[in-house]
Amino acid sequence: MWRSAQRQNHGLKEENVLRLLLPLGIGAPEIDATLLSDLSSFGSARGEVAHTSVSKVTRYIDPESEYKSARQLAAGLLKLDELIQRGRAELERLDAATASSGQPPAQASVPPVAPAEGHAP
């Protein structure tokens, strides 16, 4: 299922991000809403540039605001990576406990990470 979502992914919009993360046990409530919004905005802007002819440019970028946006995205993605790594560590812990006890696997619960710096919760 995850491989299919990965192959069919064509963007950074919220729907695409969630399609990749849900099979990993990470849902919208655990992800910083501002990051999802920023990724969707970035994906829309990227699509506009990628699919528009140079002769039809309708807006010009401001390098300073683009740099600021990129730094915000990077900070949010680092937080998301922490969430993924915590989930992975929890699954490994559960696998080890299950293997040693002979009990059926338990559900992993991954606590949300704090919002990226500069973002409200």
Protein backbone atom coordinates (compact mmCIF):
# COMPACT_ATOMS: atom_id res chain seq x y z
CA MET A 1 0.00 0.00 0.00
CA TRP A 2 2.73 2.48 0.96
CA ARG A 3 4.75 1.74 -2.16
CA SER A 4 1.66 2.42 -4.26
CA ALA A 5 1.11 5.75 -2.46
CA GLN A 6 4.77 6.57 -2.99
CA ARG A 7 4.65 5.82 -6.73
CA GLN A 8 1.43 7.77 -7.19
CA ASN A 9 2.66 10.82 -5.25
CA HIS A 10 2.89 13.93 -7.38
CA GLY A 11 3.24 16.77 -4.95
CA LEU A 12 3.63 18.39 -1.61
CA LYS A 13 0.02 19.23 -0.96
CA GLU A 14 -1.63 18.01 2.25
CA GLU A 15 -3.39 15.13 0.52
CA ASN A 16 -0.09 13.84 -0.90
CA VAL A 17 1.79 14.18 2.38
CA LEU A 18 -0.93 12.40 4.36
CA ARG A 19 -1.12 9.63 1.75
CA LEU A 20 2.56 8.94 2.41
CA LEU A 21 2.45 9.29 6.20
CA LEU A 22 -0.82 7.54 7.10
CA PRO A 23 0.56 4.04 6.31
CA LEU A 24 3.41 4.85 8.71
CA GLY A 25 0.89 5.46 11.50
CA ILE A 26 1.17 9.23 11.38
CA GLY A 27 -2.07 11.09 10.83
CA ALA A 28 -3.09 14.72 10.48
CA PRO A 29 -3.53 15.27 14.24
CA GLU A 30 0.13 14.43 14.86
CA ILE A 31 1.44 16.74 12.12
CA ASP A 32 1.82 20.46 12.61
CA ALA A 33 -1.15 22.00 10.77
CA THR A 34 0.98 24.99 9.79
CA LEU A 35 3.50 22.68 8.12
CA LEU A 36 0.73 21.01 6.11
CA SER A 37 -0.57 24.41 5.07
CA ASP A 38 2.92 25.65 4.18
CA LEU A 39 3.61 22.51 2.15
CA SER A 40 0.32 22.91 0.28
CA SER A 41 1.13 26.55 -0.50
CA PHE A 42 4.62 25.61 -1.61
CA GLY A 43 3.25 22.77 -3.75
CA SER A 44 0.74 25.09 -5.41
CA ALA A 45 3.39 27.73 -6.12
CA ARG A 46 5.80 25.08 -7.40
CA GLY A 47 3.12 23.66 -9.70
CA GLU A 48 2.32 27.11 -11.04
CA VAL A 49 5.97 27.70 -11.93
CA ALA A 50 6.57 24.19 -13.25
CA HIS A 51 3.53 24.16 -15.50
CA THR A 52 3.54 27.72 -16.81
CA SER A 53 5.48 28.98 -19.79
CA VAL A 54 8.18 31.56 -19.08
CA SER A 55 6.37 33.97 -21.37
CA LYS A 56 3.27 33.77 -19.15
CA VAL A 57 4.89 34.69 -15.81
CA THR A 58 2.32 36.54 -13.73
CA ARG A 59 4.23 37.11 -10.51
CA TYR A 60 7.81 37.70 -9.54
CA ILE A 61 9.44 36.16 -6.52
CA ASP A 62 10.98 38.04 -3.65
CA PRO A 63 14.22 36.24 -2.78
CA GLU A 64 14.04 37.27 0.88
CA SER A 65 10.52 35.92 1.43
CA GLU A 66 11.33 32.74 -0.53
CA TYR A 67 14.37 32.18 1.69
CA LYS A 68 12.26 32.73 4.82
CA SER A 69 9.62 30.30 3.53
CA ALA A 70 12.25 27.69 2.72
CA ARG A 71 13.71 27.97 6.23
CA GLN A 72 10.23 27.58 7.77
CA LEU A 73 9.58 24.51 5.64
CA ALA A 74 12.94 23.01 6.58
CA ALA A 75 12.27 23.57 10.30
CA GLY A 76 8.84 21.98 9.99
CA LEU A 77 10.23 19.03 8.03
CA LEU A 78 12.87 18.47 10.72
CA LYS A 79 10.06 18.25 13.30
CA LEU A 80 8.21 15.81 11.04
CA ASP A 81 11.35 13.73 10.72
CA GLU A 82 11.62 13.63 14.54
CA LEU A 83 8.03 12.35 14.66
CA ILE A 84 8.81 9.64 12.10
CA GLN A 85 11.95 8.60 13.99
CA ARG A 86 10.07 8.43 17.31
CA GLY A 87 7.42 6.27 15.66
CA ARG A 88 10.10 4.02 14.23
CA ALA A 89 11.79 3.68 17.62
CA GLU A 90 8.43 2.87 19.25
CA LEU A 91 7.71 0.19 16.64
CA GLU A 92 11.16 -1.35 17.15
CA ARG A 93 10.58 -1.35 20.92
CA LEU A 94 7.19 -3.02 20.46
CA ASP A 95 8.66 -5.59 18.05
CA ALA A 96 11.38 -6.47 20.57
CA ALA A 97 8.87 -6.74 23.42
CA THR A 98 6.55 -8.87 21.30
CA ALA A 99 9.34 -11.17 20.20
CA SER A 100 10.49 -11.76 23.78
CA SER A 101 6.99 -12.20 25.27
CA GLY A 102 5.29 -14.18 22.53
CA GLN A 103 2.28 -11.84 22.83
CA PRO A 104 0.51 -10.32 19.81
CA PRO A 105 1.85 -6.91 18.76
CA ALA A 106 0.44 -3.83 20.48
CA GLN A 107 -0.56 -0.58 18.78
CA ALA A 108 2.14 2.05 18.63
CA SER A 109 1.23 5.50 19.81
CA VAL A 110 3.41 8.34 18.58
CA PRO A 111 3.11 11.59 20.52
CA PRO A 112 2.98 14.77 18.42
CA VAL A 113 6.03 17.00 18.22
CA ALA A 114 5.93 20.67 19.05
CA PRO A 115 5.19 23.04 16.15
CA ALA A 116 8.17 24.28 14.16
CA GLU A 117 9.85 27.37 15.52
CA GLY A 118 7.97 30.51 14.61
CA HIS A 119 4.63 28.70 14.19
CA ALA A 120 1.66 28.70 16.51
CA PRO A 121 0.22 25.31 17.54
